[in-house]
PDB file of N, CA and C in Angstrom:
ATOM      1  N   UNK A   1       0.852  -1.187   0.000  1.00  0.00           N
ATOM      2  CA  UNK A   1       0.000   0.000   0.000  1.00  0.00           C
ATOM      3  C   UNK A   1       0.895   1.248   0.000  1.00  0.00           C
ATOM      4  N   UNK A   2       0.436   2.289  -0.629  1.00  0.00           N
ATOM      5  CA  UNK A   2       1.202   3.536  -0.649  1.00  0.00           C
ATOM      6  C   UNK A   2       0.312   4.668  -0.144  1.00  0.00           C
ATOM      7  N   UNK A   3       0.933   5.783   0.236  1.00  0.00           N
ATOM      8  CA  UNK A   3       0.137   6.914   0.742  1.00  0.00           C
ATOM      9  C   UNK A   3      -0.851   7.392  -0.322  1.00  0.00           C
ATOM     10  N   UNK A   4      -1.971   7.921   0.141  1.00  0.00           N
ATOM     11  CA  UNK A   4      -3.012   8.370  -0.785  1.00  0.00           C
ATOM     12  C   UNK A   4      -3.753   9.567  -0.199  1.00  0.00           C
ATOM     13  N   UNK A   5      -4.527  10.210  -1.053  1.00  0.00           N
ATOM     14  CA  UNK A   5      -5.375  11.308  -0.593  1.00  0.00           C
ATOM     15  C   UNK A   5      -6.384  10.793   0.423  1.00  0.00           C
ATOM     16  N   UNK A   6      -6.912   9.594   0.201  1.00  0.00           N
ATOM     17  CA  UNK A   6      -7.847   8.996   1.155  1.00  0.00           C
ATOM     18  C   UNK A   6      -7.188   8.820   2.525  1.00  0.00           C
ATOM     19  N   UNK A   7      -5.942   8.376   2.535  1.00  0.00           N
ATOM     20  CA  UNK A   7      -5.217   8.214   3.801  1.00  0.00           C
ATOM     21  C   UNK A   7      -5.103   9.551   4.531  1.00  0.00           C
ATOM     22  N   UNK A   8      -4.732  10.603   3.800  1.00  0.00           N
ATOM     23  CA  UNK A   8      -4.596  11.921   4.438  1.00  0.00           C
ATOM     24  C   UNK A   8      -5.947  12.439   4.919  1.00  0.00           C
ATOM     25  N   UNK A   9      -7.027  12.110   4.230  1.00  0.00           N
ATOM     26  CA  UNK A   9      -8.355  12.514   4.700  1.00  0.00           C
ATOM     27  C   UNK A   9      -8.698  11.790   6.003  1.00  0.00           C
ATOM     28  N   UNK A  10      -8.382  10.496   6.084  1.00  0.00           N
ATOM     29  CA  UNK A  10      -8.643   9.751   7.319  1.00  0.00           C
ATOM     30  C   UNK A  10      -7.775  10.274   8.468  1.00  0.00           C
ATOM     31  N   UNK A  11      -6.549  10.693   8.161  1.00  0.00           N
ATOM     32  CA  UNK A  11      -5.671  11.303   9.157  1.00  0.00           C
ATOM     33  C   UNK A  11      -6.292  12.616   9.648  1.00  0.00           C
ATOM     34  N   UNK A  12      -6.793  13.431   8.730  1.00  0.00           N
ATOM     35  CA  UNK A  12      -7.472  14.688   9.098  1.00  0.00           C
ATOM     36  C   UNK A  12      -8.711  14.416   9.941  1.00  0.00           C
ATOM     37  N   UNK A  13      -9.470  13.402   9.559  1.00  0.00           N
ATOM     38  CA  UNK A  13     -10.670  13.048  10.324  1.00  0.00           C
ATOM     39  C   UNK A  13     -10.302  12.658  11.759  1.00  0.00           C
ATOM     40  N   UNK A  14      -9.195  11.936  11.914  1.00  0.00           N
ATOM     41  CA  UNK A  14      -8.743  11.539  13.260  1.00  0.00           C
ATOM     42  C   UNK A  14      -8.352  12.760  14.085  1.00  0.00           C
ATOM     43  N   UNK A  15      -7.719  13.755  13.455  1.00  0.00           N
ATOM     44  CA  UNK A  15      -7.399  14.994  14.172  1.00  0.00           C
ATOM     45  C   UNK A  15      -8.674  15.656  14.672  1.00  0.00           C
ATOM     46  N   UNK A  16      -9.668  15.764  13.798  1.00  0.00           N
ATOM     47  CA  UNK A  16     -10.913  16.435  14.181  1.00  0.00           C
ATOM     48  C   UNK A  16     -11.704  15.650  15.215  1.00  0.00           C
ATOM     49  N   UNK A  17     -11.533  14.338  15.247  1.00  0.00           N
ATOM     50  CA  UNK A  17     -12.189  13.506  16.251  1.00  0.00           C
ATOM     51  C   UNK A  17     -11.390  13.462  17.556  1.00  0.00           C
ATOM     52  N   UNK A  18     -10.207  14.075  17.547  1.00  0.00           N
ATOM     53  CA  UNK A  18      -9.296  14.044  18.701  1.00  0.00           C
ATOM     54  C   UNK A  18      -9.042  12.588  19.108  1.00  0.00           C
ATOM     55  N   UNK A  19      -8.836  11.739  18.107  1.00  0.00           N
ATOM     56  CA  UNK A  19      -8.643  10.303  18.303  1.00  0.00           C
ATOM     57  C   UNK A  19      -7.149   9.980  18.233  1.00  0.00           C
ATOM     58  N   UNK A  20      -6.506  10.006  19.380  1.00  0.00           N
ATOM     59  CA  UNK A  20      -5.055   9.842  19.452  1.00  0.00           C
ATOM     60  C   UNK A  20      -4.591   8.479  18.948  1.00  0.00           C
ATOM     61  N   UNK A  21      -5.277   7.419  19.322  1.00  0.00           N
ATOM     62  CA  UNK A  21      -4.866   6.088  18.874  1.00  0.00           C
ATOM     63  C   UNK A  21      -4.967   5.961  17.353  1.00  0.00           C
ATOM     64  N   UNK A  22      -6.046   6.479  16.795  1.00  0.00           N
ATOM     65  CA  UNK A  22      -6.189   6.442  15.330  1.00  0.00           C
ATOM     66  C   UNK A  22      -5.087   7.257  14.659  1.00  0.00           C
ATOM     67  N   UNK A  23      -4.812   8.450  15.186  1.00  0.00           N
ATOM     68  CA  UNK A  23      -3.733   9.278  14.625  1.00  0.00           C
ATOM     69  C   UNK A  23      -2.409   8.532  14.609  1.00  0.00           C
ATOM     70  N   UNK A  24      -2.083   7.926  15.729  1.00  0.00           N
ATOM     71  CA  UNK A  24      -0.792   7.243  15.838  1.00  0.00           C
ATOM     72  C   UNK A  24      -0.706   6.025  14.927  1.00  0.00           C
ATOM     73  N   UNK A  25      -1.847   5.470  14.519  1.00  0.00           N
ATOM     74  CA  UNK A  25      -1.824   4.330  13.601  1.00  0.00           C
ATOM     75  C   UNK A  25      -1.314   4.726  12.219  1.00  0.00           C
ATOM     76  N   UNK A  26      -1.292   6.013  11.914  1.00  0.00           N
ATOM     77  CA  UNK A  26      -0.775   6.512  10.643  1.00  0.00           C
ATOM     78  C   UNK A  26       0.723   6.820  10.699  1.00  0.00           C
ATOM     79  N   UNK A  27       1.287   6.850  11.914  1.00  0.00           N
ATOM     80  CA  UNK A  27       2.665   7.308  12.116  1.00  0.00           C
ATOM     81  C   UNK A  27       3.645   6.132  12.206  1.00  0.00           C
ATOM     82  N   UNK A  28       4.813   6.287  11.589  1.00  0.00           N
ATOM     83  CA  UNK A  28       5.891   5.297  11.704  1.00  0.00           C
ATOM     84  C   UNK A  28       6.443   5.321  13.129  1.00  0.00           C
ATOM     85  N   UNK A  29       7.051   4.226  13.564  1.00  0.00           N
ATOM     86  CA  UNK A  29       7.621   4.156  14.919  1.00  0.00           C
ATOM     87  C   UNK A  29       8.683   5.231  15.149  1.00  0.00           C
ATOM     88  N   UNK A  30       9.463   5.547  14.119  1.00  0.00           N
ATOM     89  CA  UNK A  30      10.542   6.531  14.241  1.00  0.00           C
ATOM     90  C   UNK A  30      10.118   7.903  13.691  1.00  0.00           C
ATOM     91  N   UNK A  31       8.823   8.209  13.823  1.00  0.00           N
ATOM     92  CA  UNK A  31       8.255   9.439  13.267  1.00  0.00           C
ATOM     93  C   UNK A  31       8.807  10.702  13.935  1.00  0.00           C
ATOM     94  N   UNK A  32       8.594  11.809  13.225  1.00  0.00           N
ATOM     95  CA  UNK A  32       8.995  13.138  13.682  1.00  0.00           C
ATOM     96  C   UNK A  32       7.821  14.084  13.453  1.00  0.00           C
ATOM     97  N   UNK A  33       7.567  14.939  14.432  1.00  0.00           N
ATOM     98  CA  UNK A  33       6.530  15.961  14.319  1.00  0.00           C
ATOM     99  C   UNK A  33       7.158  17.304  14.633  1.00  0.00           C
ATOM    100  N   UNK A  34       7.121  18.229  13.663  1.00  0.00           N
ATOM    101  CA  UNK A  34       7.574  19.608  13.860  1.00  0.00           C
ATOM    102  C   UNK A  34       6.314  20.451  14.087  1.00  0.00           C
ATOM    103  N   UNK A  35       6.103  20.902  15.314  1.00  0.00           N
ATOM    104  CA  UNK A  35       4.916  21.691  15.666  1.00  0.00           C
ATOM    105  C   UNK A  35       5.021  23.105  15.092  1.00  0.00           C
ATOM    106  N   UNK A  36       3.898  23.825  15.078  1.00  0.00           N
ATOM    107  CA  UNK A  36       3.868  25.161  14.480  1.00  0.00           C
ATOM    108  C   UNK A  36       4.649  26.200  15.272  1.00  0.00           C
ATOM    109  N   UNK A  37       4.896  25.939  16.546  1.00  0.00           N
ATOM    110  CA  UNK A  37       5.655  26.913  17.333  1.00  0.00           C
ATOM    111  C   UNK A  37       6.563  26.186  18.315  1.00  0.00           C
ATOM    112  N   UNK A  38       7.528  26.919  18.803  1.00  0.00           N
ATOM    113  CA  UNK A  38       8.473  26.350  19.760  1.00  0.00           C
ATOM    114  C   UNK A  38       9.831  26.991  19.633  1.00  0.00           C
ATOM    115  N   UNK A  39      10.797  26.495  20.369  1.00  0.00           N
ATOM    116  CA  UNK A  39      12.104  27.139  20.453  1.00  0.00           C
ATOM    117  C   UNK A  39      13.036  26.870  19.270  1.00  0.00           C
ATOM    118  N   UNK A  40      12.705  25.900  18.432  1.00  0.00           N
ATOM    119  CA  UNK A  40      13.610  25.502  17.352  1.00  0.00           C
ATOM    120  C   UNK A  40      13.254  26.195  16.043  1.00  0.00           C
ATOM    121  N   UNK A  41      14.146  26.106  15.070  1.00  0.00           N
ATOM    122  CA  UNK A  41      13.903  26.680  13.745  1.00  0.00           C
ATOM    123  C   UNK A  41      12.613  26.123  13.139  1.00  0.00           C
ATOM    124  N   UNK A  42      12.307  24.873  13.446  1.00  0.00           N
ATOM    125  CA  UNK A  42      11.101  24.234  12.920  1.00  0.00           C
ATOM    126  C   UNK A  42      10.000  24.145  13.977  1.00  0.00           C
ATOM    127  N   UNK A  43       9.948  25.093  14.876  1.00  0.00           N
ATOM    128  CA  UNK A  43       8.962  25.069  15.961  1.00  0.00           C
ATOM    129  C   UNK A  43       9.505  24.227  17.097  1.00  0.00           C
ATOM    130  N   UNK A  44       8.748  23.267  17.564  1.00  0.00           N
ATOM    131  CA  UNK A  44       9.238  22.291  18.520  1.00  0.00           C
ATOM    132  C   UNK A  44       9.213  20.935  17.841  1.00  0.00           C
ATOM    133  N   UNK A  45      10.306  20.208  17.944  1.00  0.00           N
ATOM    134  CA  UNK A  45      10.417  18.915  17.298  1.00  0.00           C
ATOM    135  C   UNK A  45      10.204  17.790  18.304  1.00  0.00           C
ATOM    136  N   UNK A  46       9.311  16.878  17.953  1.00  0.00           N
ATOM    137  CA  UNK A  46       9.044  15.676  18.732  1.00  0.00           C
ATOM    138  C   UNK A  46       9.557  14.491  17.920  1.00  0.00           C
ATOM    139  N   UNK A  47      10.320  13.596  18.557  1.00  0.00           N
ATOM    140  CA  UNK A  47      10.940  12.467  17.842  1.00  0.00           C
ATOM    141  C   UNK A  47      10.542  11.140  18.467  1.00  0.00           C
ATOM    142  N   UNK A  48      10.143  10.201  17.620  1.00  0.00           N
ATOM    143  CA  UNK A  48       9.735   8.878  18.078  1.00  0.00           C
ATOM    144  C   UNK A  48       8.269   8.863  18.454  1.00  0.00           C
ATOM    145  N   UNK A  49       7.670   7.687  18.385  1.00  0.00           N
ATOM    146  CA  UNK A  49       6.221   7.560  18.553  1.00  0.00           C
ATOM    147  C   UNK A  49       5.714   8.112  19.881  1.00  0.00           C
ATOM    148  N   UNK A  50       6.382   7.819  20.982  1.00  0.00           N
ATOM    149  CA  UNK A  50       5.889   8.289  22.283  1.00  0.00           C
ATOM    150  C   UNK A  50       5.991   9.809  22.405  1.00  0.00           C
ATOM    151  N   UNK A  51       7.080  10.385  21.919  1.00  0.00           N
ATOM    152  CA  UNK A  51       7.265  11.834  21.969  1.00  0.00           C
ATOM    153  C   UNK A  51       6.258  12.532  21.047  1.00  0.00           C
ATOM    154  N   UNK A  52       6.059  11.980  19.842  1.00  0.00           N
ATOM    155  CA  UNK A  52       5.085  12.550  18.901  1.00  0.00           C
ATOM    156  C   UNK A  52       3.683  12.468  19.504  1.00  0.00           C
ATOM    157  N   UNK A  53       3.371  11.362  20.117  1.00  0.00           N
ATOM    158  CA  UNK A  53       2.070  11.204  20.793  1.00  0.00           C
ATOM    159  C   UNK A  53       1.870  12.334  21.806  1.00  0.00           C
ATOM    160  N   UNK A  54       2.890  12.609  22.600  1.00  0.00           N
ATOM    161  CA  UNK A  54       2.819  13.696  23.588  1.00  0.00           C
ATOM    162  C   UNK A  54       2.651  15.052  22.898  1.00  0.00           C
ATOM    163  N   UNK A  55       3.295  15.234  21.759  1.00  0.00           N
ATOM    164  CA  UNK A  55       3.155  16.479  20.998  1.00  0.00           C
ATOM    165  C   UNK A  55       1.743  16.676  20.482  1.00  0.00           C
ATOM    166  N   UNK A  56       1.127  15.592  20.019  1.00  0.00           N
ATOM    167  CA  UNK A  56      -0.254  15.682  19.555  1.00  0.00           C
ATOM    168  C   UNK A  56      -1.184  16.034  20.713  1.00  0.00           C
ATOM    169  N   UNK A  57      -0.974  15.418  21.862  1.00  0.00           N
ATOM    170  CA  UNK A  57      -1.784  15.723  23.044  1.00  0.00           C
ATOM    171  C   UNK A  57      -1.614  17.191  23.434  1.00  0.00           C
ATOM    172  N   UNK A  58      -0.388  17.695  23.344  1.00  0.00           N
ATOM    173  CA  UNK A  58      -0.118  19.100  23.683  1.00  0.00           C
ATOM    174  C   UNK A  58      -0.912  20.050  22.791  1.00  0.00           C
ATOM    175  N   UNK A  59      -1.097  19.683  21.528  1.00  0.00           N
ATOM    176  CA  UNK A  59      -1.876  20.533  20.617  1.00  0.00           C
ATOM    177  C   UNK A  59      -3.306  20.686  21.127  1.00  0.00           C
ATOM    178  N   UNK A  60      -3.903  19.592  21.596  1.00  0.00           N
ATOM    179  CA  UNK A  60      -5.273  19.650  22.110  1.00  0.00           C
ATOM    180  C   UNK A  60      -5.343  20.313  23.474  1.00  0.00           C
ATOM    181  N   UNK A  61      -4.268  20.247  24.260  1.00  0.00           N
ATOM    182  CA  UNK A  61      -4.254  20.962  25.541  1.00  0.00           C
ATOM    183  C   UNK A  61      -4.204  22.466  25.293  1.00  0.00           C
ATOM    184  N   UNK A  62      -3.465  22.868  24.271  1.00  0.00           N
ATOM    185  CA  UNK A  62      -3.370  24.290  23.920  1.00  0.00           C
ATOM    186  C   UNK A  62      -4.688  24.790  23.337  1.00  0.00           C
ATOM    187  N   UNK A  63      -5.319  23.965  22.505  1.00  0.00           N
ATOM    188  CA  UNK A  63      -6.580  24.311  21.847  1.00  0.00           C
ATOM    189  C   UNK A  63      -7.577  23.163  22.046  1.00  0.00           C
ATOM    190  N   UNK A  64      -8.287  23.126  23.175  1.00  0.00           N
ATOM    191  CA  UNK A  64      -9.197  22.005  23.450  1.00  0.00           C
ATOM    192  C   UNK A  64     -10.286  21.803  22.393  1.00  0.00           C
ATOM    193  N   UNK A  65     -10.662  22.868  21.698  1.00  0.00           N
ATOM    194  CA  UNK A  65     -11.705  22.765  20.671  1.00  0.00           C
ATOM    195  C   UNK A  65     -11.137  22.781  19.258  1.00  0.00           C
ATOM    196  N   UNK A  66      -9.868  22.446  19.100  1.00  0.00           N
ATOM    197  CA  UNK A  66      -9.188  22.507  17.804  1.00  0.00           C
ATOM    198  C   UNK A  66      -9.943  21.752  16.715  1.00  0.00           C
ATOM    199  N   UNK A  67      -9.996  22.376  15.528  1.00  0.00           N
ATOM    200  CA  UNK A  67     -10.584  21.731  14.350  1.00  0.00           C
ATOM    201  C   UNK A  67      -9.803  22.173  13.116  1.00  0.00           C
ATOM    202  N   UNK A  68      -9.699  21.264  12.171  1.00  0.00           N
ATOM    203  CA  UNK A  68      -9.006  21.514  10.911  1.00  0.00           C
ATOM    204  C   UNK A  68     -10.054  21.338   9.822  1.00  0.00           C
ATOM    205  N   UNK A  69     -10.412  22.439   9.162  1.00  0.00           N
ATOM    206  CA  UNK A  69     -11.545  22.455   8.246  1.00  0.00           C
ATOM    207  C   UNK A  69     -11.098  22.597   6.792  1.00  0.00           C
ATOM    208  N   UNK A  70     -11.976  22.216   5.896  1.00  0.00           N
ATOM    209  CA  UNK A  70     -11.780  22.402   4.458  1.00  0.00           C
ATOM    210  C   UNK A  70     -10.434  21.862   3.957  1.00  0.00           C
ATOM    211  N   UNK A  71     -10.076  20.619   4.294  1.00  0.00           N
ATOM    212  CA  UNK A  71      -8.766  20.133   3.877  1.00  0.00           C
ATOM    213  C   UNK A  71      -8.660  19.898   2.376  1.00  0.00           C
ATOM    214  N   UNK A  72      -7.482  20.192   1.854  1.00  0.00           N
ATOM    215  CA  UNK A  72      -7.111  19.873   0.480  1.00  0.00           C
ATOM    216  C   UNK A  72      -5.830  19.060   0.584  1.00  0.00           C
ATOM    217  N   UNK A  73      -5.820  17.876  -0.014  1.00  0.00           N
ATOM    218  CA  UNK A  73      -4.695  16.964   0.121  1.00  0.00           C
ATOM    219  C   UNK A  73      -3.995  16.759  -1.220  1.00  0.00           C
ATOM    220  N   UNK A  74      -2.715  16.471  -1.131  1.00  0.00           N
ATOM    221  CA  UNK A  74      -1.926  16.141  -2.314  1.00  0.00           C
ATOM    222  C   UNK A  74      -0.871  15.118  -1.912  1.00  0.00           C
ATOM    223  N   UNK A  75      -0.676  14.113  -2.753  1.00  0.00           N
ATOM    224  CA  UNK A  75       0.369  13.121  -2.537  1.00  0.00           C
ATOM    225  C   UNK A  75       1.151  12.986  -3.831  1.00  0.00           C
ATOM    226  N   UNK A  76       2.479  13.018  -3.709  1.00  0.00           N
ATOM    227  CA  UNK A  76       3.361  12.855  -4.870  1.00  0.00           C
ATOM    228  C   UNK A  76       4.552  12.012  -4.420  1.00  0.00           C
ATOM    229  N   UNK A  77       4.510  10.730  -4.726  1.00  0.00           N
ATOM    230  CA  UNK A  77       5.587   9.839  -4.296  1.00  0.00           C
ATOM    231  C   UNK A  77       5.603   9.707  -2.786  1.00  0.00           C
ATOM    232  N   UNK A  78       6.781   9.945  -2.195  1.00  0.00           N
ATOM    233  CA  UNK A  78       6.902   9.823  -0.734  1.00  0.00           C
ATOM    234  C   UNK A  78       6.705  11.151  -0.012  1.00  0.00           C
ATOM    235  N   UNK A  79       6.119  12.129  -0.700  1.00  0.00           N
ATOM    236  CA  UNK A  79       5.823  13.429  -0.085  1.00  0.00           C
ATOM    237  C   UNK A  79       4.355  13.754  -0.281  1.00  0.00           C
ATOM    238  N   UNK A  80       3.845  14.618   0.581  1.00  0.00           N
ATOM    239  CA  UNK A  80       2.465  15.050   0.447  1.00  0.00           C
ATOM    240  C   UNK A  80       2.197  16.256   1.313  1.00  0.00           C
ATOM    241  N   UNK A  81       1.018  16.838   1.147  1.00  0.00           N
ATOM    242  CA  UNK A  81       0.646  17.950   2.013  1.00  0.00           C
ATOM    243  C   UNK A  81      -0.861  17.986   2.192  1.00  0.00           C
ATOM    244  N   UNK A  82      -1.257  18.624   3.279  1.00  0.00           N
ATOM    245  CA  UNK A  82      -2.654  18.955   3.531  1.00  0.00           C
ATOM    246  C   UNK A  82      -2.707  20.431   3.860  1.00  0.00           C
ATOM    247  N   UNK A  83      -3.538  21.163   3.140  1.00  0.00           N
ATOM    248  CA  UNK A  83      -3.808  22.565   3.439  1.00  0.00           C
ATOM    249  C   UNK A  83      -5.201  22.614   4.056  1.00  0.00           C
ATOM    250  N   UNK A  84      -5.343  23.334   5.171  1.00  0.00           N
ATOM    251  CA  UNK A  84      -6.640  23.393   5.841  1.00  0.00           C
ATOM    252  C   UNK A  84      -6.790  24.724   6.583  1.00  0.00           C
ATOM    253  N   UNK A  85      -7.979  24.939   7.110  1.00  0.00           N
ATOM    254  CA  UNK A  85      -8.231  26.093   7.967  1.00  0.00           C
ATOM    255  C   UNK A  85      -8.255  25.604   9.403  1.00  0.00           C
ATOM    256  N   UNK A  86      -7.348  26.124  10.209  1.00  0.00           N
ATOM    257  CA  UNK A  86      -7.293  25.769  11.626  1.00  0.00           C
ATOM    258  C   UNK A  86      -8.131  26.754  12.416  1.00  0.00           C
ATOM    259  N   UNK A  87      -8.987  26.234  13.301  1.00  0.00           N
ATOM    260  CA  UNK A  87      -9.740  27.070  14.234  1.00  0.00           C
ATOM    261  C   UNK A  87      -9.605  26.474  15.626  1.00  0.00           C
ATOM    262  N   UNK A  88      -9.438  27.345  16.602  1.00  0.00           N
ATOM    263  CA  UNK A  88      -9.328  26.868  17.969  1.00  0.00           C
ATOM    264  C   UNK A  88      -9.284  28.020  18.951  1.00  0.00           C
ATOM    265  N   UNK A  89      -9.598  27.707  20.196  1.00  0.00           N
ATOM    266  CA  UNK A  89      -9.595  28.690  21.276  1.00  0.00           C
ATOM    267  C   UNK A  89      -8.543  28.286  22.296  1.00  0.00           C
ATOM    268  N   UNK A  90      -7.637  29.217  22.597  1.00  0.00           N
ATOM    269  CA  UNK A  90      -6.623  28.972  23.624  1.00  0.00           C
ATOM    270  C   UNK A  90      -7.251  29.047  25.007  1.00  0.00           C
ATOM    271  N   UNK A  91      -6.510  28.598  26.005  1.00  0.00           N
ATOM    272  CA  UNK A  91      -6.974  28.630  27.396  1.00  0.00           C
ATOM    273  C   UNK A  91      -7.343  30.048  27.838  1.00  0.00           C
ATOM    274  N   UNK A  92      -6.649  31.072  27.290  1.00  0.00           N
ATOM    275  CA  UNK A  92      -6.918  32.458  27.685  1.00  0.00           C
ATOM    276  C   UNK A  92      -8.119  33.063  26.956  1.00  0.00           C
ATOM    277  N   UNK A  93      -8.772  32.269  26.099  1.00  0.00           N
ATOM    278  CA  UNK A  93      -9.948  32.744  25.378  1.00  0.00           C
ATOM    279  C   UNK A  93      -9.658  33.311  24.004  1.00  0.00           C
ATOM    280  N   UNK A  94      -8.395  33.520  23.661  1.00  0.00           N
ATOM    281  CA  UNK A  94      -8.082  34.046  22.336  1.00  0.00           C
ATOM    282  C   UNK A  94      -8.323  32.961  21.283  1.00  0.00           C
ATOM    283  N   UNK A  95      -8.849  33.405  20.140  1.00  0.00           N
ATOM    284  CA  UNK A  95      -9.201  32.483  19.063  1.00  0.00           C
ATOM    285  C   UNK A  95      -8.233  32.602  17.905  1.00  0.00           C
ATOM    286  N   UNK A  96      -7.935  31.466  17.302  1.00  0.00           N
ATOM    287  CA  UNK A  96      -7.124  31.417  16.093  1.00  0.00           C
ATOM    288  C   UNK A  96      -8.006  30.874  14.980  1.00  0.00           C
ATOM    289  N   UNK A  97      -7.947  31.545  13.837  1.00  0.00           N
ATOM    290  CA  UNK A  97      -8.691  31.136  12.644  1.00  0.00           C
ATOM    291  C   UNK A  97      -7.775  31.471  11.477  1.00  0.00           C
ATOM    292  N   UNK A  98      -7.032  30.474  10.992  1.00  0.00           N
ATOM    293  CA  UNK A  98      -5.998  30.759  10.001  1.00  0.00           C
ATOM    294  C   UNK A  98      -5.749  29.550   9.107  1.00  0.00           C
ATOM    295  N   UNK A  99      -5.268  29.800   7.903  1.00  0.00           N
ATOM    296  CA  UNK A  99      -4.887  28.724   6.990  1.00  0.00           C
ATOM    297  C   UNK A  99      -3.575  28.127   7.456  1.00  0.00           C
ATOM    298  N   UNK A 100      -3.422  26.841   7.185  1.00  0.00           N
ATOM    299  CA  UNK A 100      -2.190  26.156   7.561  1.00  0.00           C
ATOM    300  C   UNK A 100      -1.885  25.057   6.562  1.00  0.00           C
ATOM    301  N   UNK A 101      -0.673  24.555   6.649  1.00  0.00           N
ATOM    302  CA  UNK A 101      -0.230  23.462   5.788  1.00  0.00           C
ATOM    303  C   UNK A 101       0.554  22.474   6.630  1.00  0.00           C
ATOM    304  N   UNK A 102       0.278  21.195   6.438  1.00  0.00           N
ATOM    305  CA  UNK A 102       1.104  20.118   6.957  1.00  0.00           C
ATOM    306  C   UNK A 102       1.835  19.518   5.769  1.00  0.00           C
ATOM    307  N   UNK A 103       3.141  19.418   5.874  1.00  0.00           N
ATOM    308  CA  UNK A 103       3.942  18.774   4.841  1.00  0.00           C
ATOM    309  C   UNK A 103       4.384  17.420   5.393  1.00  0.00           C
ATOM    310  N   UNK A 104       4.166  16.382   4.614  1.00  0.00           N
ATOM    311  CA  UNK A 104       4.443  15.021   5.059  1.00  0.00           C
ATOM    312  C   UNK A 104       5.565  14.383   4.251  1.00  0.00           C
ATOM    313  N   UNK A 105       6.352  13.570   4.924  1.00  0.00           N
ATOM    314  CA  UNK A 105       7.265  12.633   4.284  1.00  0.00           C
ATOM    315  C   UNK A 105       6.795  11.252   4.703  1.00  0.00           C
ATOM    316  N   UNK A 106       6.636  10.358   3.738  1.00  0.00           N
ATOM    317  CA  UNK A 106       6.132   9.020   4.009  1.00  0.00           C
ATOM    318  C   UNK A 106       7.250   7.993   3.956  1.00  0.00           C
ATOM    319  N   UNK A 107       7.068   6.936   4.710  1.00  0.00           N
ATOM    320  CA  UNK A 107       7.888   5.743   4.586  1.00  0.00           C
ATOM    321  C   UNK A 107       6.904   4.597   4.400  1.00  0.00           C
ATOM    322  N   UNK A 108       6.915   3.981   3.220  1.00  0.00           N
ATOM    323  CA  UNK A 108       5.878   2.998   2.909  1.00  0.00           C
ATOM    324  C   UNK A 108       4.525   3.672   2.937  1.00  0.00           C
ATOM    325  N   UNK A 109       3.593   3.115   3.713  1.00  0.00           N
ATOM    326  CA  UNK A 109       2.255   3.710   3.801  1.00  0.00           C
ATOM    327  C   UNK A 109       2.035   4.454   5.119  1.00  0.00           C
ATOM    328  N   UNK A 110       3.148   4.799   5.803  1.00  0.00           N
ATOM    329  CA  UNK A 110       3.062   5.517   7.076  1.00  0.00           C
ATOM    330  C   UNK A 110       3.691   6.901   6.971  1.00  0.00           C
ATOM    331  N   UNK A 111       3.320   7.772   7.886  1.00  0.00           N
ATOM    332  CA  UNK A 111       3.896   9.117   7.944  1.00  0.00           C
ATOM    333  C   UNK A 111       5.170   9.052   8.769  1.00  0.00           C
ATOM    334  N   UNK A 112       6.269   9.458   8.158  1.00  0.00           N
ATOM    335  CA  UNK A 112       7.552   9.531   8.857  1.00  0.00           C
ATOM    336  C   UNK A 112       7.730  10.914   9.479  1.00  0.00           C
ATOM    337  N   UNK A 113       7.400  11.972   8.716  1.00  0.00           N
ATOM    338  CA  UNK A 113       7.555  13.347   9.192  1.00  0.00           C
ATOM    339  C   UNK A 113       6.268  14.117   8.927  1.00  0.00           C
ATOM    340  N   UNK A 114       5.801  14.819   9.966  1.00  0.00           N
ATOM    341  CA  UNK A 114       4.685  15.768   9.855  1.00  0.00           C
ATOM    342  C   UNK A 114       5.247  17.123  10.247  1.00  0.00           C
ATOM    343  N   UNK A 115       5.316  18.033   9.298  1.00  0.00           N
ATOM    344  CA  UNK A 115       5.889  19.351   9.512  1.00  0.00           C
ATOM    345  C   UNK A 115       4.766  20.376   9.334  1.00  0.00           C
ATOM    346  N   UNK A 116       4.336  21.015  10.434  1.00  0.00           N
ATOM    347  CA  UNK A 116       3.162  21.894  10.429  1.00  0.00           C
ATOM    348  C   UNK A 116       3.560  23.361  10.328  1.00  0.00           C
ATOM    349  N   UNK A 117       2.865  24.089   9.468  1.00  0.00           N
ATOM    350  CA  UNK A 117       3.055  25.532   9.284  1.00  0.00           C
ATOM    351  C   UNK A 117       1.689  26.197   9.375  1.00  0.00           C
ATOM    352  N   UNK A 118       1.583  27.309  10.122  1.00  0.00           N
ATOM    353  CA  UNK A 118       0.311  28.012  10.247  1.00  0.00           C
ATOM    354  C   UNK A 118       0.542  29.507  10.170  1.00  0.00           C
ATOM    355  N   UNK A 119      -0.334  30.181   9.458  1.00  0.00           N
ATOM    356  CA  UNK A 119      -0.314  31.641   9.433  1.00  0.00           C
ATOM    357  C   UNK A 119      -0.535  32.147  10.852  1.00  0.00           C
ATOM    358  N   UNK A 120       0.153  33.194  11.222  1.00  0.00           N
ATOM    359  CA  UNK A 120      -0.009  33.770  12.557  1.00  0.00           C
ATOM    360  C   UNK A 120      -1.152  34.765  12.510  1.00  0.00           C
ATOM    361  N   UNK A 121      -2.307  34.343  13.008  1.00  0.00           N
ATOM    362  CA  UNK A 121      -3.478  35.199  12.977  1.00  0.00           C
ATOM    363  C   UNK A 121      -4.358  34.860  14.167  1.00  0.00           C
ATOM    364  N   UNK A 122      -4.550  35.792  15.040  1.00  0.00           N
ATOM    365  CA  UNK A 122      -5.449  35.639  16.175  1.00  0.00           C
ATOM    366  C   UNK A 122      -6.632  36.558  15.914  1.00  0.00           C
ATOM    367  N   UNK A 123      -7.837  36.041  16.122  1.00  0.00           N
ATOM    368  CA  UNK A 123      -9.041  36.849  15.881  1.00  0.00           C
ATOM    369  C   UNK A 123      -9.735  37.142  17.203  1.00  0.00           C
ATOM    370  N   UNK A 124     -10.435  38.249  17.250  1.00  0.00           N
ATOM    371  CA  UNK A 124     -11.161  38.642  18.465  1.00  0.00           C
ATOM    372  C   UNK A 124     -12.375  37.748  18.645  1.00  0.00           C
ATOM    373  N   UNK A 125     -12.669  37.476  19.924  1.00  0.00           N
ATOM    374  CA  UNK A 125     -13.873  36.762  20.321  1.00  0.00           C
ATOM    375  C   UNK A 125     -14.103  35.562  19.525  1.00  0.00           C
TER     376      UNK A 125
END
């Protein structure tokens, strides 16, 4: 099996369902997740399945109502991307509503690298 648009849609659906086990079923054991923010050039980097799992949980702790809407997926060989609209409310009540892109590197039919980029836009109320 190889990566597909259907696979990326199911991955997006798992994000919106906040289904951690389903999300991790798409990730390789030696996966890497570059979050949208953090101390590193690529945001914060999580390495390995357990660390990536913790990174995914952190995203929902930051934005308990997080949703990724209107996804557009593309797969080309061992690379792919999903462009979507991210919406969520931080603990302090500030809302984010912005376009974002996840860039993927695949190994076989699993995600090896998920590199997230989001426009910096906070909206009132």
